[in-house]
Amino acid sequence: MADEIVLAAVPRAQAGRVNRLRREGFVPAILYGHGQSPFPLAVDARALSGVLRTVSSSTLLTLAVRGSDARRVLIQEVQHDPLTGHPLHVDFHQVDLKEKIRANVPVRAVGVSPAVKDLGGVLVQSIAEIEVEALPQDLPKEITMDLSKLATFVDRITVADLPIPPEVEVDARREDVVAVVSPPRTEEEIEELKAAVEAKPAEVKTEAEEKRAAEETKKAEEEASGASPKTEKKE
């Protein structure tokens, strides 16, 4: 079993002052989940950033809350600043170690594909993460796939080829394709693609132009059928 990851947290007021917390070097957080009503917390920004660099959404953490019992949690969601990338808010999901849960586990490629290295192909990974079910302590941080199995353009890696621990149930079909190597584009295909991109886009008619064209079409149809415009009856 991997070393236990511990993150310290302190209770915070339910409402307001989140900007002040951030200026003081903390990230506002919320704890909820198994037997736990929403519990507002704050965690050290540097400590949280360090943890986020080493875990995934399926990594079990110990949340050491000041003045309370330690909690076993998963990181449910992290909101990041769109400019700096720094975490702005984090959701912790408390779990029961005796109850199985579902989680998405990332699939990470390892090794080198001969079809890419020697044949110039392009790796196409169709499944980036897999939903699994297991006890919280049995959840893998990631699932690896060995690219050395992709020696030709007809080879493929399926769910059945992944090293899934026996205590983990996968919510996917064994024959589902995880990755293949696509042949490189020919010069003719590249030229066709360039031509399609450089082609002049079709003219887009405005709403007024479309209305005028419809009226002209209707008028032409009436004239062709010998229809004459209606006249008002004089009293």
C-alpha atoms as a PDB file:
ATOM      1  CA  MET A   1       0.000   0.000   0.000  1.00  0.00           C
ATOM      2  CA  ALA A   2       1.235   3.488  -0.845  1.00  0.00           C
ATOM      3  CA  ASP A   3       2.358   5.836   1.905  1.00  0.00           C
ATOM      4  CA  GLU A   4      -0.474   7.689   3.604  1.00  0.00           C
ATOM      5  CA  ILE A   5      -0.990  11.233   2.361  1.00  0.00           C
ATOM      6  CA  VAL A   6      -2.036  13.658   5.095  1.00  0.00           C
ATOM      7  CA  LEU A   7      -3.387  17.157   4.502  1.00  0.00           C
ATOM      8  CA  ALA A   8      -4.093  19.547   7.369  1.00  0.00           C
ATOM      9  CA  ALA A   9      -7.288  21.640   7.443  1.00  0.00           C
ATOM     10  CA  VAL A  10      -8.919  24.156   9.769  1.00  0.00           C
ATOM     11  CA  PRO A  11     -12.628  24.972  10.198  1.00  0.00           C
ATOM     12  CA  ARG A  12     -13.786  28.268   8.699  1.00  0.00           C
ATOM     13  CA  ALA A  13     -16.875  30.461   8.814  1.00  0.00           C
ATOM     14  CA  GLN A  14     -19.718  29.337   6.589  1.00  0.00           C
ATOM     15  CA  ALA A  15     -20.046  32.563   4.605  1.00  0.00           C
ATOM     16  CA  GLY A  16     -17.805  35.277   3.212  1.00  0.00           C
ATOM     17  CA  ARG A  17     -14.160  36.263   3.635  1.00  0.00           C
ATOM     18  CA  VAL A  18     -12.871  33.749   1.062  1.00  0.00           C
ATOM     19  CA  ASN A  19     -10.797  36.442  -0.644  1.00  0.00           C
ATOM     20  CA  ARG A  20      -9.173  37.295   2.665  1.00  0.00           C
ATOM     21  CA  LEU A  21      -8.427  33.606   3.227  1.00  0.00           C
ATOM     22  CA  ARG A  22      -6.699  33.419  -0.144  1.00  0.00           C
ATOM     23  CA  ARG A  23      -4.634  36.515   0.593  1.00  0.00           C
ATOM     24  CA  GLU A  24      -3.491  34.846   3.820  1.00  0.00           C
ATOM     25  CA  GLY A  25      -2.308  31.772   1.903  1.00  0.00           C
ATOM     26  CA  PHE A  26      -5.289  29.465   2.343  1.00  0.00           C
ATOM     27  CA  VAL A  27      -7.728  27.808  -0.050  1.00  0.00           C
ATOM     28  CA  PRO A  28     -11.389  27.567   0.991  1.00  0.00           C
ATOM     29  CA  ALA A  29     -12.740  24.027   0.980  1.00  0.00           C
ATOM     30  CA  ILE A  30     -15.855  22.031   1.779  1.00  0.00           C
ATOM     31  CA  LEU A  31     -16.116  18.538   3.255  1.00  0.00           C
ATOM     32  CA  TYR A  32     -19.175  16.368   2.644  1.00  0.00           C
ATOM     33  CA  GLY A  33     -20.065  12.764   1.960  1.00  0.00           C
ATOM     34  CA  HIS A  34     -20.677   9.654   4.027  1.00  0.00           C
ATOM     35  CA  GLY A  35     -22.423  10.685   7.269  1.00  0.00           C
ATOM     36  CA  GLN A  36     -21.090  14.218   6.971  1.00  0.00           C
ATOM     37  CA  SER A  37     -23.113  17.401   6.557  1.00  0.00           C
ATOM     38  CA  PRO A  38     -21.323  20.159   4.599  1.00  0.00           C
ATOM     39  CA  PHE A  39     -18.356  21.302   6.695  1.00  0.00           C
ATOM     40  CA  PRO A  40     -16.544  24.494   5.558  1.00  0.00           C
ATOM     41  CA  LEU A  41     -12.752  24.262   5.862  1.00  0.00           C
ATOM     42  CA  ALA A  42      -9.568  25.996   4.791  1.00  0.00           C
ATOM     43  CA  VAL A  43      -6.311  24.320   3.726  1.00  0.00           C
ATOM     44  CA  ASP A  44      -2.830  25.715   3.226  1.00  0.00           C
ATOM     45  CA  ALA A  45      -2.413  26.700  -0.434  1.00  0.00           C
ATOM     46  CA  ARG A  46       1.164  25.449  -0.772  1.00  0.00           C
ATOM     47  CA  ALA A  47       0.421  22.138   0.917  1.00  0.00           C
ATOM     48  CA  LEU A  48      -2.633  21.613  -1.290  1.00  0.00           C
ATOM     49  CA  SER A  49      -0.693  22.397  -4.478  1.00  0.00           C
ATOM     50  CA  GLY A  50       1.951  19.869  -3.464  1.00  0.00           C
ATOM     51  CA  VAL A  51      -0.679  17.194  -2.904  1.00  0.00           C
ATOM     52  CA  LEU A  52      -2.415  17.924  -6.198  1.00  0.00           C
ATOM     53  CA  ARG A  53       0.840  17.305  -8.072  1.00  0.00           C
ATOM     54  CA  THR A  54       1.072  13.751  -6.745  1.00  0.00           C
ATOM     55  CA  VAL A  55      -2.499  12.435  -6.565  1.00  0.00           C
ATOM     56  CA  SER A  56      -5.471  11.712  -8.809  1.00  0.00           C
ATOM     57  CA  SER A  57      -9.207  11.825  -8.156  1.00  0.00           C
ATOM     58  CA  SER A  58      -9.034   8.204  -6.970  1.00  0.00           C
ATOM     59  CA  THR A  59      -6.250   8.727  -4.403  1.00  0.00           C
ATOM     60  CA  LEU A  60      -7.311   8.272  -0.777  1.00  0.00           C
ATOM     61  CA  LEU A  61      -6.186  11.060   1.559  1.00  0.00           C
ATOM     62  CA  THR A  62      -6.287  11.651   5.295  1.00  0.00           C
ATOM     63  CA  LEU A  63      -7.730  15.054   6.126  1.00  0.00           C
ATOM     64  CA  ALA A  64      -6.470  16.151   9.553  1.00  0.00           C
ATOM     65  CA  VAL A  65      -9.044  18.706  10.713  1.00  0.00           C
ATOM     66  CA  ARG A  66      -8.010  20.877  13.663  1.00  0.00           C
ATOM     67  CA  GLY A  67     -10.173  20.151  16.714  1.00  0.00           C
ATOM     68  CA  SER A  68     -11.859  17.176  15.057  1.00  0.00           C
ATOM     69  CA  ASP A  69     -11.227  13.574  14.065  1.00  0.00           C
ATOM     70  CA  ALA A  70      -9.159  12.757  10.983  1.00  0.00           C
ATOM     71  CA  ARG A  71     -11.251  11.970   7.896  1.00  0.00           C
ATOM     72  CA  ARG A  72     -10.538   9.648   4.955  1.00  0.00           C
ATOM     73  CA  VAL A  73     -11.420  11.551   1.806  1.00  0.00           C
ATOM     74  CA  LEU A  74     -11.127  11.772  -1.958  1.00  0.00           C
ATOM     75  CA  ILE A  75     -10.653  15.040  -3.815  1.00  0.00           C
ATOM     76  CA  GLN A  76     -13.986  15.438  -5.553  1.00  0.00           C
ATOM     77  CA  GLU A  77     -13.427  18.714  -7.405  1.00  0.00           C
ATOM     78  CA  VAL A  78     -10.882  21.520  -7.631  1.00  0.00           C
ATOM     79  CA  GLN A  79     -11.599  24.969  -9.059  1.00  0.00           C
ATOM     80  CA  HIS A  80      -8.560  26.710 -10.552  1.00  0.00           C
ATOM     81  CA  ASP A  81      -7.832  30.327 -11.396  1.00  0.00           C
ATOM     82  CA  PRO A  82      -8.055  30.507 -15.226  1.00  0.00           C
ATOM     83  CA  LEU A  83      -5.063  32.854 -15.413  1.00  0.00           C
ATOM     84  CA  THR A  84      -2.623  31.545 -12.808  1.00  0.00           C
ATOM     85  CA  GLY A  85      -3.794  27.941 -12.495  1.00  0.00           C
ATOM     86  CA  HIS A  86      -3.716  28.229  -8.702  1.00  0.00           C
ATOM     87  CA  PRO A  87      -6.461  26.335  -6.806  1.00  0.00           C
ATOM     88  CA  LEU A  88      -9.349  28.563  -5.720  1.00  0.00           C
ATOM     89  CA  HIS A  89     -11.612  26.024  -4.003  1.00  0.00           C
ATOM     90  CA  VAL A  90     -11.588  22.307  -3.287  1.00  0.00           C
ATOM     91  CA  ASP A  91     -14.311  19.767  -2.501  1.00  0.00           C
ATOM     92  CA  PHE A  92     -13.439  16.781  -0.284  1.00  0.00           C
ATOM     93  CA  HIS A  93     -15.660  13.690  -0.315  1.00  0.00           C
ATOM     94  CA  GLN A  94     -15.614  11.729   2.930  1.00  0.00           C
ATOM     95  CA  VAL A  95     -15.765   7.933   2.471  1.00  0.00           C
ATOM     96  CA  ASP A  96     -16.400   4.823   4.547  1.00  0.00           C
ATOM     97  CA  LEU A  97     -13.543   2.330   4.233  1.00  0.00           C
ATOM     98  CA  LYS A  98     -16.033  -0.552   4.483  1.00  0.00           C
ATOM     99  CA  GLU A  99     -18.212   0.575   1.572  1.00  0.00           C
ATOM    100  CA  LYS A 100     -17.329   0.299  -2.102  1.00  0.00           C
ATOM    101  CA  ILE A 101     -17.449   3.486  -4.135  1.00  0.00           C
ATOM    102  CA  ARG A 102     -17.232   4.380  -7.815  1.00  0.00           C
ATOM    103  CA  ALA A 103     -14.482   6.593  -9.162  1.00  0.00           C
ATOM    104  CA  ASN A 104     -12.822   7.516 -12.442  1.00  0.00           C
ATOM    105  CA  VAL A 105      -9.227   6.320 -12.708  1.00  0.00           C
ATOM    106  CA  PRO A 106      -6.876   7.822 -15.332  1.00  0.00           C
ATOM    107  CA  VAL A 107      -5.245   5.559 -17.911  1.00  0.00           C
ATOM    108  CA  ARG A 108      -1.573   6.444 -18.424  1.00  0.00           C
ATOM    109  CA  ALA A 109       0.569   5.311 -21.344  1.00  0.00           C
ATOM    110  CA  VAL A 110       4.012   3.861 -20.590  1.00  0.00           C
ATOM    111  CA  GLY A 111       6.741   2.602 -22.887  1.00  0.00           C
ATOM    112  CA  VAL A 112       7.235   3.180 -26.603  1.00  0.00           C
ATOM    113  CA  SER A 113       5.133   1.906 -29.479  1.00  0.00           C
ATOM    114  CA  PRO A 114       7.187   0.412 -32.351  1.00  0.00           C
ATOM    115  CA  ALA A 115       4.419   1.469 -34.733  1.00  0.00           C
ATOM    116  CA  VAL A 116       5.006   5.073 -33.683  1.00  0.00           C
ATOM    117  CA  LYS A 117       8.799   4.973 -33.420  1.00  0.00           C
ATOM    118  CA  ASP A 118       9.617   2.866 -36.485  1.00  0.00           C
ATOM    119  CA  LEU A 119       6.600   3.305 -38.774  1.00  0.00           C
ATOM    120  CA  GLY A 120       5.808   6.963 -38.122  1.00  0.00           C
ATOM    121  CA  GLY A 121       2.295   6.309 -36.850  1.00  0.00           C
ATOM    122  CA  VAL A 122       0.239   8.454 -34.509  1.00  0.00           C
ATOM    123  CA  LEU A 123      -0.963   7.179 -31.129  1.00  0.00           C
ATOM    124  CA  VAL A 124      -4.738   7.470 -30.694  1.00  0.00           C
ATOM    125  CA  GLN A 125      -5.963   6.951 -27.111  1.00  0.00           C
ATOM    126  CA  SER A 126      -9.750   6.599 -27.113  1.00  0.00           C
ATOM    127  CA  ILE A 127     -10.165   6.016 -23.359  1.00  0.00           C
ATOM    128  CA  ALA A 128      -8.424   8.487 -21.036  1.00  0.00           C
ATOM    129  CA  GLU A 129     -10.031   7.259 -17.807  1.00  0.00           C
ATOM    130  CA  ILE A 130     -12.081   4.281 -16.682  1.00  0.00           C
ATOM    131  CA  GLU A 131     -14.859   4.158 -14.119  1.00  0.00           C
ATOM    132  CA  VAL A 132     -14.211   1.516 -11.468  1.00  0.00           C
ATOM    133  CA  GLU A 133     -15.788   0.281  -8.256  1.00  0.00           C
ATOM    134  CA  ALA A 134     -13.812  -0.777  -5.197  1.00  0.00           C
ATOM    135  CA  LEU A 135     -13.241  -0.133  -1.526  1.00  0.00           C
ATOM    136  CA  PRO A 136     -11.673   3.329  -1.102  1.00  0.00           C
ATOM    137  CA  GLN A 137      -8.327   1.917   0.044  1.00  0.00           C
ATOM    138  CA  ASP A 138      -8.191  -0.375  -3.014  1.00  0.00           C
ATOM    139  CA  LEU A 139      -8.702   2.327  -5.625  1.00  0.00           C
ATOM    140  CA  PRO A 140      -5.645   2.581  -7.897  1.00  0.00           C
ATOM    141  CA  LYS A 141      -4.142   6.018  -8.471  1.00  0.00           C
ATOM    142  CA  GLU A 142      -3.869   5.203 -12.180  1.00  0.00           C
ATOM    143  CA  ILE A 143      -3.987   2.308 -14.624  1.00  0.00           C
ATOM    144  CA  THR A 144      -1.075   1.907 -17.027  1.00  0.00           C
ATOM    145  CA  MET A 145      -1.094   0.591 -20.577  1.00  0.00           C
ATOM    146  CA  ASP A 146       2.036  -0.816 -22.215  1.00  0.00           C
ATOM    147  CA  LEU A 147       2.578   0.837 -25.601  1.00  0.00           C
ATOM    148  CA  SER A 148       5.172  -1.753 -26.643  1.00  0.00           C
ATOM    149  CA  LYS A 149       2.216  -3.983 -27.583  1.00  0.00           C
ATOM    150  CA  LEU A 150       1.399  -1.646 -30.466  1.00  0.00           C
ATOM    151  CA  ALA A 151       3.917  -2.925 -33.036  1.00  0.00           C
ATOM    152  CA  THR A 152       1.749  -2.514 -36.154  1.00  0.00           C
ATOM    153  CA  PHE A 153      -1.241  -0.496 -37.313  1.00  0.00           C
ATOM    154  CA  VAL A 154      -3.585  -3.448 -36.712  1.00  0.00           C
ATOM    155  CA  ASP A 155      -2.546  -3.964 -33.096  1.00  0.00           C
ATOM    156  CA  ARG A 156      -4.733  -2.535 -30.364  1.00  0.00           C
ATOM    157  CA  ILE A 157      -4.899  -2.294 -26.599  1.00  0.00           C
ATOM    158  CA  THR A 158      -8.266  -3.195 -25.100  1.00  0.00           C
ATOM    159  CA  VAL A 159      -9.658  -3.030 -21.577  1.00  0.00           C
ATOM    160  CA  ALA A 160      -8.819  -6.725 -21.227  1.00  0.00           C
ATOM    161  CA  ASP A 161      -5.105  -5.876 -21.702  1.00  0.00           C
ATOM    162  CA  LEU A 162      -4.996  -3.410 -18.795  1.00  0.00           C
ATOM    163  CA  PRO A 163      -3.483  -4.526 -15.457  1.00  0.00           C
ATOM    164  CA  ILE A 164      -6.627  -4.227 -13.352  1.00  0.00           C
ATOM    165  CA  PRO A 165      -6.196  -5.367  -9.712  1.00  0.00           C
ATOM    166  CA  PRO A 166      -8.498  -8.284  -8.842  1.00  0.00           C
ATOM    167  CA  GLU A 167     -10.236  -6.308  -6.084  1.00  0.00           C
ATOM    168  CA  VAL A 168     -11.273  -3.620  -8.576  1.00  0.00           C
ATOM    169  CA  GLU A 169     -14.349  -3.937 -10.791  1.00  0.00           C
ATOM    170  CA  VAL A 170     -14.299  -2.096 -14.112  1.00  0.00           C
ATOM    171  CA  ASP A 171     -17.400  -0.540 -15.657  1.00  0.00           C
ATOM    172  CA  ALA A 172     -16.383  -1.216 -19.259  1.00  0.00           C
ATOM    173  CA  ARG A 173     -16.475  -4.068 -21.746  1.00  0.00           C
ATOM    174  CA  ARG A 174     -13.327  -6.156 -22.040  1.00  0.00           C
ATOM    175  CA  GLU A 175     -13.276  -5.641 -25.818  1.00  0.00           C
ATOM    176  CA  ASP A 176     -13.464  -1.832 -25.642  1.00  0.00           C
ATOM    177  CA  VAL A 177     -10.469  -0.323 -27.447  1.00  0.00           C
ATOM    178  CA  VAL A 178      -8.236   1.881 -25.301  1.00  0.00           C
ATOM    179  CA  ALA A 179      -5.535   2.771 -27.829  1.00  0.00           C
ATOM    180  CA  VAL A 180      -4.367   2.137 -31.399  1.00  0.00           C
ATOM    181  CA  VAL A 181      -1.751   3.597 -33.724  1.00  0.00           C
ATOM    182  CA  SER A 182      -3.017   5.363 -36.822  1.00  0.00           C
ATOM    183  CA  PRO A 183      -0.934   5.279 -40.035  1.00  0.00           C
ATOM    184  CA  PRO A 184       0.719   8.573 -41.012  1.00  0.00           C
ATOM    185  CA  ARG A 185      -1.084  10.729 -43.571  1.00  0.00           C
ATOM    186  CA  THR A 186       0.056  10.441 -47.174  1.00  0.00           C
ATOM    187  CA  GLU A 187       1.176  13.542 -49.085  1.00  0.00           C
ATOM    188  CA  GLU A 188      -2.033  13.352 -51.113  1.00  0.00           C
ATOM    189  CA  GLU A 189      -4.161  13.365 -47.937  1.00  0.00           C
ATOM    190  CA  ILE A 190      -2.208  16.337 -46.568  1.00  0.00           C
ATOM    191  CA  GLU A 191      -2.739  18.291 -49.802  1.00  0.00           C
ATOM    192  CA  GLU A 192      -6.463  17.486 -49.770  1.00  0.00           C
ATOM    193  CA  LEU A 193      -6.686  18.693 -46.180  1.00  0.00           C
ATOM    194  CA  LYS A 194      -4.885  21.938 -47.047  1.00  0.00           C
ATOM    195  CA  ALA A 195      -7.200  22.477 -50.008  1.00  0.00           C
ATOM    196  CA  ALA A 196     -10.266  21.994 -47.828  1.00  0.00           C
ATOM    197  CA  VAL A 197      -8.981  24.511 -45.274  1.00  0.00           C
ATOM    198  CA  GLU A 198      -8.053  27.087 -47.904  1.00  0.00           C
ATOM    199  CA  ALA A 199     -11.311  26.706 -49.846  1.00  0.00           C
ATOM    200  CA  LYS A 200     -13.486  29.831 -49.939  1.00  0.00           C
ATOM    201  CA  PRO A 201     -16.307  29.478 -47.421  1.00  0.00           C
ATOM    202  CA  ALA A 202     -19.823  29.435 -48.788  1.00  0.00           C
ATOM    203  CA  GLU A 203     -21.586  32.776 -48.793  1.00  0.00           C
ATOM    204  CA  VAL A 204     -24.000  33.201 -45.947  1.00  0.00           C
ATOM    205  CA  LYS A 205     -27.221  34.971 -46.766  1.00  0.00           C
ATOM    206  CA  THR A 206     -28.636  37.470 -44.351  1.00  0.00           C
ATOM    207  CA  GLU A 207     -32.182  37.117 -43.048  1.00  0.00           C
ATOM    208  CA  ALA A 208     -33.337  39.987 -45.319  1.00  0.00           C
ATOM    209  CA  GLU A 209     -31.751  38.377 -48.381  1.00  0.00           C
ATOM    210  CA  GLU A 210     -33.394  35.045 -47.638  1.00  0.00           C
ATOM    211  CA  LYS A 211     -36.792  36.747 -47.237  1.00  0.00           C
ATOM    212  CA  ARG A 212     -36.393  38.654 -50.501  1.00  0.00           C
ATOM    213  CA  ALA A 213     -35.353  35.490 -52.349  1.00  0.00           C
ATOM    214  CA  ALA A 214     -38.405  33.650 -50.987  1.00  0.00           C
ATOM    215  CA  GLU A 215     -40.727  36.440 -52.166  1.00  0.00           C
ATOM    216  CA  GLU A 216     -39.190  36.453 -55.646  1.00  0.00           C
ATOM    217  CA  THR A 217     -39.549  32.687 -55.885  1.00  0.00           C
ATOM    218  CA  LYS A 218     -43.205  32.854 -54.869  1.00  0.00           C
ATOM    219  CA  LYS A 219     -43.905  35.606 -57.412  1.00  0.00           C
ATOM    220  CA  ALA A 220     -42.230  33.628 -60.192  1.00  0.00           C
ATOM    221  CA  GLU A 221     -44.308  30.556 -59.351  1.00  0.00           C
ATOM    222  CA  GLU A 222     -47.535  32.594 -59.474  1.00  0.00           C
ATOM    223  CA  GLU A 223     -46.633  34.058 -62.857  1.00  0.00           C
ATOM    224  CA  ALA A 224     -45.752  30.635 -64.226  1.00  0.00           C
ATOM    225  CA  SER A 225     -49.100  29.183 -63.143  1.00  0.00           C
ATOM    226  CA  GLY A 226     -51.058  32.081 -64.638  1.00  0.00           C
ATOM    227  CA  ALA A 227     -52.195  33.344 -61.298  1.00  0.00           C
ATOM    228  CA  SER A 228     -53.221  36.966 -61.183  1.00  0.00           C
ATOM    229  CA  PRO A 229     -53.148  39.188 -58.175  1.00  0.00           C
ATOM    230  CA  LYS A 230     -56.399  39.533 -56.293  1.00  0.00           C
ATOM    231  CA  THR A 231     -58.317  42.828 -56.566  1.00  0.00           C
ATOM    232  CA  GLU A 232     -60.472  44.332 -53.930  1.00  0.00           C
ATOM    233  CA  LYS A 233     -64.215  44.331 -54.592  1.00  0.00           C
ATOM    234  CA  LYS A 234     -65.646  47.832 -54.771  1.00  0.00           C
ATOM    235  CA  GLU A 235     -68.905  48.511 -52.992  1.00  0.00           C
END
